[in-house]
């Protein structure tokens, strides 16, 4: 498992928390409540799955939760693209969020590979 003592020590958790706050901030007054609820829930899912997997104290279960978090990061990214098309968010405001989702996905993939390696040692 990671050398972190608690999930709050993980940079990837901190970055996913920042993403969730940014998503909530951008869509807090949005009138399409179904859309707003879905993108906010997906953003929270990234950080919560990292936390949940860490707390399970098993590399195998952590890997599983990181895969769910990675899927949620993809969901947020996908929803940002449709938000641009629907004019819910300006492209210049969405692009940094899309890039953050891509970075998080890459970091999650690396973390998953690390855990697979440590499980198979």
N, C-alpha and C. Protein backbone atom coordinates (compact mmCIF):
# COMPACT_ATOMS: atom_id res chain seq x y z
N UNK A 1 0.85 -1.19 0.00
CA UNK A 1 0.00 0.00 0.00
C UNK A 1 0.88 1.24 0.00
N UNK A 2 0.31 2.33 -0.27
CA UNK A 2 1.03 3.60 -0.31
C UNK A 2 1.67 3.89 1.05
N UNK A 3 2.70 4.74 1.06
CA UNK A 3 3.35 5.12 2.31
C UNK A 3 2.56 6.19 3.06
N UNK A 4 1.49 6.66 2.48
CA UNK A 4 0.64 7.66 3.13
C UNK A 4 -0.03 7.04 4.35
N UNK A 5 -0.19 7.84 5.38
CA UNK A 5 -0.83 7.36 6.62
C UNK A 5 -2.35 7.44 6.54
N UNK A 6 -2.84 8.42 5.79
CA UNK A 6 -4.28 8.59 5.62
C UNK A 6 -4.53 9.12 4.21
N UNK A 7 -5.76 8.94 3.73
CA UNK A 7 -6.03 9.34 2.35
C UNK A 7 -5.82 10.83 2.13
N UNK A 8 -5.98 11.64 3.17
CA UNK A 8 -5.77 13.09 3.03
C UNK A 8 -4.32 13.43 2.69
N UNK A 9 -3.40 12.49 2.90
CA UNK A 9 -1.99 12.70 2.57
C UNK A 9 -1.71 12.51 1.08
N UNK A 10 -2.63 11.88 0.36
CA UNK A 10 -2.41 11.57 -1.05
C UNK A 10 -2.63 12.81 -1.93
N UNK A 11 -1.63 13.16 -2.71
CA UNK A 11 -1.77 14.30 -3.63
C UNK A 11 -2.93 14.10 -4.59
N UNK A 12 -3.12 12.87 -5.04
CA UNK A 12 -4.20 12.60 -5.99
C UNK A 12 -5.57 12.85 -5.35
N UNK A 13 -5.71 12.58 -4.07
CA UNK A 13 -6.97 12.88 -3.38
C UNK A 13 -7.15 14.40 -3.28
N UNK A 14 -6.07 15.09 -2.94
CA UNK A 14 -6.14 16.56 -2.83
C UNK A 14 -6.54 17.18 -4.17
N UNK A 15 -5.95 16.69 -5.25
CA UNK A 15 -6.26 17.22 -6.58
C UNK A 15 -7.71 16.91 -6.97
N UNK A 16 -8.19 15.73 -6.61
CA UNK A 16 -9.58 15.38 -6.94
C UNK A 16 -10.56 16.21 -6.11
N UNK A 17 -10.18 16.56 -4.90
CA UNK A 17 -11.01 17.44 -4.07
C UNK A 17 -11.09 18.83 -4.71
N UNK A 18 -9.96 19.32 -5.19
CA UNK A 18 -9.94 20.62 -5.87
C UNK A 18 -10.84 20.59 -7.11
N UNK A 19 -10.78 19.51 -7.88
CA UNK A 19 -11.65 19.38 -9.05
C UNK A 19 -13.12 19.43 -8.63
N UNK A 20 -13.49 18.70 -7.59
CA UNK A 20 -14.89 18.68 -7.14
C UNK A 20 -15.35 20.07 -6.73
N UNK A 21 -14.51 20.79 -6.02
CA UNK A 21 -14.85 22.16 -5.61
C UNK A 21 -15.05 23.05 -6.82
N UNK A 22 -14.17 22.91 -7.81
CA UNK A 22 -14.29 23.72 -9.04
C UNK A 22 -15.58 23.38 -9.79
N UNK A 23 -15.90 22.10 -9.90
CA UNK A 23 -17.13 21.69 -10.59
C UNK A 23 -18.35 22.26 -9.85
N UNK A 24 -18.38 22.10 -8.54
CA UNK A 24 -19.49 22.66 -7.75
C UNK A 24 -19.60 24.17 -7.94
N UNK A 25 -18.48 24.86 -7.94
CA UNK A 25 -18.48 26.32 -8.10
C UNK A 25 -19.02 26.73 -9.47
N UNK A 26 -18.61 26.04 -10.51
CA UNK A 26 -19.04 26.40 -11.87
C UNK A 26 -20.53 26.14 -12.10
N UNK A 27 -21.07 25.12 -11.45
CA UNK A 27 -22.45 24.72 -11.74
C UNK A 27 -23.42 24.98 -10.59
N UNK A 28 -23.00 25.69 -9.55
CA UNK A 28 -23.84 25.87 -8.36
C UNK A 28 -25.18 26.54 -8.65
N UNK A 29 -25.23 27.45 -9.58
CA UNK A 29 -26.48 28.17 -9.89
C UNK A 29 -27.14 27.67 -11.17
N UNK A 30 -26.67 26.55 -11.65
CA UNK A 30 -27.17 26.05 -12.92
C UNK A 30 -28.62 25.56 -12.78
N UNK A 31 -29.43 25.86 -13.77
CA UNK A 31 -30.87 25.55 -13.71
C UNK A 31 -31.22 24.14 -14.16
N UNK A 32 -30.34 23.48 -14.92
CA UNK A 32 -30.60 22.09 -15.32
C UNK A 32 -30.14 21.21 -14.15
N UNK A 33 -31.09 20.95 -13.24
CA UNK A 33 -30.75 20.29 -11.99
C UNK A 33 -30.27 18.85 -12.19
N UNK A 34 -30.82 18.17 -13.19
CA UNK A 34 -30.37 16.81 -13.47
C UNK A 34 -28.91 16.79 -13.89
N UNK A 35 -28.56 17.71 -14.79
CA UNK A 35 -27.17 17.81 -15.25
C UNK A 35 -26.26 18.19 -14.09
N UNK A 36 -26.66 19.22 -13.37
CA UNK A 36 -25.85 19.71 -12.24
C UNK A 36 -25.61 18.59 -11.22
N UNK A 37 -26.67 17.87 -10.88
CA UNK A 37 -26.56 16.79 -9.90
C UNK A 37 -25.59 15.72 -10.40
N UNK A 38 -25.70 15.35 -11.67
CA UNK A 38 -24.87 14.27 -12.21
C UNK A 38 -23.40 14.66 -12.26
N UNK A 39 -23.08 15.85 -12.76
CA UNK A 39 -21.66 16.23 -12.86
C UNK A 39 -21.06 16.44 -11.46
N UNK A 40 -21.85 16.98 -10.55
CA UNK A 40 -21.34 17.16 -9.18
C UNK A 40 -21.12 15.81 -8.50
N UNK A 41 -22.07 14.90 -8.66
CA UNK A 41 -21.92 13.57 -8.05
C UNK A 41 -20.72 12.82 -8.63
N UNK A 42 -20.52 12.94 -9.95
CA UNK A 42 -19.38 12.28 -10.58
C UNK A 42 -18.06 12.84 -10.06
N UNK A 43 -18.01 14.17 -9.88
CA UNK A 43 -16.76 14.78 -9.38
C UNK A 43 -16.48 14.34 -7.94
N UNK A 44 -17.51 14.26 -7.14
CA UNK A 44 -17.35 13.79 -5.75
C UNK A 44 -16.95 12.31 -5.72
N UNK A 45 -17.45 11.55 -6.68
CA UNK A 45 -17.13 10.13 -6.75
C UNK A 45 -15.63 9.88 -6.92
N UNK A 46 -14.96 10.77 -7.65
CA UNK A 46 -13.52 10.60 -7.84
C UNK A 46 -12.82 10.62 -6.47
N UNK A 47 -13.04 11.69 -5.71
CA UNK A 47 -12.33 11.81 -4.43
C UNK A 47 -12.82 10.77 -3.41
N UNK A 48 -14.12 10.50 -3.40
CA UNK A 48 -14.64 9.55 -2.41
C UNK A 48 -14.18 8.12 -2.66
N UNK A 49 -14.03 7.74 -3.92
CA UNK A 49 -13.55 6.39 -4.20
C UNK A 49 -12.07 6.23 -3.86
N UNK A 50 -11.30 7.28 -4.04
CA UNK A 50 -9.90 7.24 -3.60
C UNK A 50 -9.86 7.05 -2.08
N UNK A 51 -10.67 7.82 -1.36
CA UNK A 51 -10.71 7.72 0.11
C UNK A 51 -11.20 6.35 0.56
N UNK A 52 -12.29 5.89 -0.05
CA UNK A 52 -12.87 4.61 0.36
C UNK A 52 -11.90 3.46 0.12
N UNK A 53 -11.28 3.44 -1.04
CA UNK A 53 -10.33 2.38 -1.34
C UNK A 53 -9.14 2.38 -0.40
N UNK A 54 -8.64 3.57 -0.09
CA UNK A 54 -7.52 3.69 0.84
C UNK A 54 -7.88 3.11 2.20
N UNK A 55 -9.07 3.43 2.67
CA UNK A 55 -9.50 3.01 4.01
C UNK A 55 -9.76 1.51 4.11
N UNK A 56 -9.87 0.82 3.00
CA UNK A 56 -10.11 -0.62 3.04
C UNK A 56 -8.85 -1.42 3.40
N UNK A 57 -7.70 -0.77 3.40
CA UNK A 57 -6.44 -1.40 3.82
C UNK A 57 -6.09 -2.67 3.05
N UNK A 58 -6.41 -2.68 1.77
CA UNK A 58 -6.08 -3.81 0.91
C UNK A 58 -5.71 -3.24 -0.45
N UNK A 59 -4.53 -3.61 -0.95
CA UNK A 59 -4.12 -3.11 -2.26
C UNK A 59 -5.10 -3.53 -3.35
N UNK A 60 -5.64 -4.76 -3.25
CA UNK A 60 -6.59 -5.24 -4.24
C UNK A 60 -7.87 -4.39 -4.24
N UNK A 61 -8.40 -4.11 -3.06
CA UNK A 61 -9.61 -3.29 -2.98
C UNK A 61 -9.32 -1.83 -3.33
N UNK A 62 -8.13 -1.35 -2.98
CA UNK A 62 -7.75 0.01 -3.34
C UNK A 62 -7.70 0.14 -4.86
N UNK A 63 -7.11 -0.85 -5.53
CA UNK A 63 -7.03 -0.85 -6.99
C UNK A 63 -8.43 -0.80 -7.59
N UNK A 64 -9.34 -1.59 -7.06
CA UNK A 64 -10.72 -1.60 -7.55
C UNK A 64 -11.36 -0.21 -7.41
N UNK A 65 -11.19 0.42 -6.25
CA UNK A 65 -11.76 1.75 -6.02
C UNK A 65 -11.12 2.81 -6.90
N UNK A 66 -9.83 2.67 -7.15
CA UNK A 66 -9.15 3.62 -8.04
C UNK A 66 -9.68 3.50 -9.48
N UNK A 67 -10.03 2.28 -9.89
CA UNK A 67 -10.63 2.10 -11.20
C UNK A 67 -11.99 2.80 -11.29
N UNK A 68 -12.77 2.73 -10.23
CA UNK A 68 -14.05 3.44 -10.21
C UNK A 68 -13.81 4.94 -10.24
N UNK A 69 -12.84 5.42 -9.48
CA UNK A 69 -12.51 6.85 -9.48
C UNK A 69 -12.09 7.30 -10.88
N UNK A 70 -11.30 6.47 -11.57
CA UNK A 70 -10.86 6.79 -12.93
C UNK A 70 -12.07 6.89 -13.86
N UNK A 71 -13.01 5.98 -13.73
CA UNK A 71 -14.23 6.04 -14.53
C UNK A 71 -15.02 7.31 -14.26
N UNK A 72 -15.08 7.71 -13.00
CA UNK A 72 -15.80 8.93 -12.65
C UNK A 72 -15.12 10.17 -13.22
N UNK A 73 -13.79 10.17 -13.25
CA UNK A 73 -13.06 11.29 -13.86
C UNK A 73 -13.40 11.37 -15.35
N UNK A 74 -13.52 10.22 -16.00
CA UNK A 74 -13.93 10.20 -17.40
C UNK A 74 -15.35 10.71 -17.58
N UNK A 75 -16.22 10.36 -16.64
CA UNK A 75 -17.60 10.84 -16.70
C UNK A 75 -17.65 12.37 -16.58
N UNK A 76 -16.89 12.93 -15.66
CA UNK A 76 -16.86 14.39 -15.51
C UNK A 76 -16.37 15.02 -16.81
N UNK A 77 -15.30 14.47 -17.38
CA UNK A 77 -14.75 15.00 -18.63
C UNK A 77 -15.79 14.94 -19.75
N UNK A 78 -16.48 13.83 -19.85
CA UNK A 78 -17.52 13.68 -20.87
C UNK A 78 -18.63 14.70 -20.68
N UNK A 79 -19.04 14.90 -19.45
CA UNK A 79 -20.11 15.86 -19.17
C UNK A 79 -19.66 17.29 -19.44
N UNK A 80 -18.39 17.58 -19.25
CA UNK A 80 -17.90 18.91 -19.57
C UNK A 80 -17.99 19.17 -21.07
N UNK A 81 -17.73 18.16 -21.88
CA UNK A 81 -17.85 18.35 -23.33
C UNK A 81 -19.28 18.65 -23.73
N UNK A 82 -20.24 17.92 -23.15
CA UNK A 82 -21.64 18.20 -23.49
C UNK A 82 -22.06 19.55 -22.92
N UNK A 83 -21.49 19.92 -21.77
CA UNK A 83 -21.80 21.24 -21.19
C UNK A 83 -21.35 22.36 -22.12
N UNK A 84 -20.22 22.16 -22.78
CA UNK A 84 -19.76 23.16 -23.76
C UNK A 84 -20.76 23.24 -24.91
N UNK A 85 -21.13 22.09 -25.45
CA UNK A 85 -22.06 22.07 -26.58
C UNK A 85 -23.41 22.66 -26.23
N UNK A 86 -23.86 22.46 -25.00
CA UNK A 86 -25.16 23.00 -24.56
C UNK A 86 -25.05 24.44 -24.08
N UNK A 87 -23.83 24.97 -24.12
CA UNK A 87 -23.55 26.34 -23.67
C UNK A 87 -23.82 26.54 -22.17
N UNK A 88 -23.59 25.46 -21.41
CA UNK A 88 -23.69 25.53 -19.94
C UNK A 88 -22.42 26.11 -19.34
N UNK A 89 -21.32 26.03 -20.10
CA UNK A 89 -20.02 26.55 -19.64
C UNK A 89 -19.23 26.99 -20.87
N UNK A 90 -18.49 28.06 -20.72
CA UNK A 90 -17.67 28.55 -21.82
C UNK A 90 -16.48 27.61 -22.02
N UNK A 91 -16.09 27.39 -23.28
CA UNK A 91 -14.96 26.49 -23.55
C UNK A 91 -13.69 26.86 -22.77
N UNK A 92 -13.42 28.17 -22.64
CA UNK A 92 -12.19 28.57 -21.93
C UNK A 92 -12.26 28.28 -20.44
N UNK A 93 -13.44 28.14 -19.88
CA UNK A 93 -13.57 27.74 -18.47
C UNK A 93 -13.58 26.23 -18.32
N UNK A 94 -14.10 25.55 -19.33
CA UNK A 94 -14.16 24.08 -19.28
C UNK A 94 -12.82 23.44 -19.54
N UNK A 95 -12.01 24.03 -20.42
CA UNK A 95 -10.76 23.39 -20.85
C UNK A 95 -9.82 23.05 -19.68
N UNK A 96 -9.59 23.97 -18.73
CA UNK A 96 -8.72 23.58 -17.60
C UNK A 96 -9.30 22.43 -16.77
N UNK A 97 -10.61 22.37 -16.67
CA UNK A 97 -11.25 21.27 -15.93
C UNK A 97 -11.10 19.96 -16.69
N UNK A 98 -11.25 20.01 -18.01
CA UNK A 98 -11.05 18.82 -18.84
C UNK A 98 -9.61 18.34 -18.70
N UNK A 99 -8.67 19.27 -18.76
CA UNK A 99 -7.26 18.90 -18.60
C UNK A 99 -6.98 18.31 -17.23
N UNK A 100 -7.61 18.84 -16.19
CA UNK A 100 -7.42 18.29 -14.84
C UNK A 100 -7.98 16.87 -14.77
N UNK A 101 -9.11 16.62 -15.42
CA UNK A 101 -9.66 15.26 -15.47
C UNK A 101 -8.69 14.31 -16.18
N UNK A 102 -8.08 14.77 -17.27
CA UNK A 102 -7.11 13.95 -18.00
C UNK A 102 -5.89 13.64 -17.13
N UNK A 103 -5.41 14.64 -16.41
CA UNK A 103 -4.27 14.45 -15.51
C UNK A 103 -4.62 13.46 -14.41
N UNK A 104 -5.79 13.65 -13.80
CA UNK A 104 -6.21 12.72 -12.74
C UNK A 104 -6.33 11.30 -13.27
N UNK A 105 -6.90 11.13 -14.47
CA UNK A 105 -7.02 9.79 -15.06
C UNK A 105 -5.66 9.16 -15.25
N UNK A 106 -4.70 9.94 -15.74
CA UNK A 106 -3.35 9.43 -15.94
C UNK A 106 -2.70 9.05 -14.61
N UNK A 107 -2.86 9.90 -13.60
CA UNK A 107 -2.30 9.61 -12.28
C UNK A 107 -2.95 8.37 -11.67
N UNK A 108 -4.25 8.25 -11.85
CA UNK A 108 -4.95 7.07 -11.33
C UNK A 108 -4.45 5.80 -12.03
N UNK A 109 -4.24 5.87 -13.34
CA UNK A 109 -3.70 4.72 -14.08
C UNK A 109 -2.33 4.32 -13.55
N UNK A 110 -1.50 5.31 -13.31
CA UNK A 110 -0.16 5.02 -12.77
C UNK A 110 -0.24 4.39 -11.39
N UNK A 111 -1.14 4.90 -10.56
CA UNK A 111 -1.31 4.37 -9.21
C UNK A 111 -1.82 2.93 -9.28
N UNK A 112 -2.75 2.67 -10.18
CA UNK A 112 -3.29 1.31 -10.36
C UNK A 112 -2.18 0.36 -10.79
N UNK A 113 -1.35 0.79 -11.74
CA UNK A 113 -0.23 -0.05 -12.20
C UNK A 113 0.74 -0.33 -11.05
N UNK A 114 1.00 0.67 -10.23
CA UNK A 114 1.86 0.49 -9.06
C UNK A 114 1.27 -0.57 -8.13
N UNK A 115 -0.04 -0.48 -7.88
CA UNK A 115 -0.68 -1.45 -6.99
C UNK A 115 -0.68 -2.85 -7.58
N UNK A 116 -0.89 -2.96 -8.90
CA UNK A 116 -0.85 -4.28 -9.55
C UNK A 116 0.53 -4.88 -9.37
N UNK A 117 1.56 -4.07 -9.55
CA UNK A 117 2.93 -4.53 -9.35
C UNK A 117 3.15 -4.99 -7.92
N UNK A 118 2.66 -4.22 -6.95
CA UNK A 118 2.89 -4.59 -5.54
C UNK A 118 2.07 -5.82 -5.14
N UNK A 119 0.90 -5.99 -5.75
CA UNK A 119 0.07 -7.17 -5.46
C UNK A 119 0.74 -8.43 -5.99
N UNK A 120 1.37 -8.31 -7.16
CA UNK A 120 1.97 -9.47 -7.82
C UNK A 120 3.39 -9.77 -7.39
N UNK A 121 3.94 -8.98 -6.47
CA UNK A 121 5.31 -9.22 -6.00
C UNK A 121 5.38 -10.46 -5.17
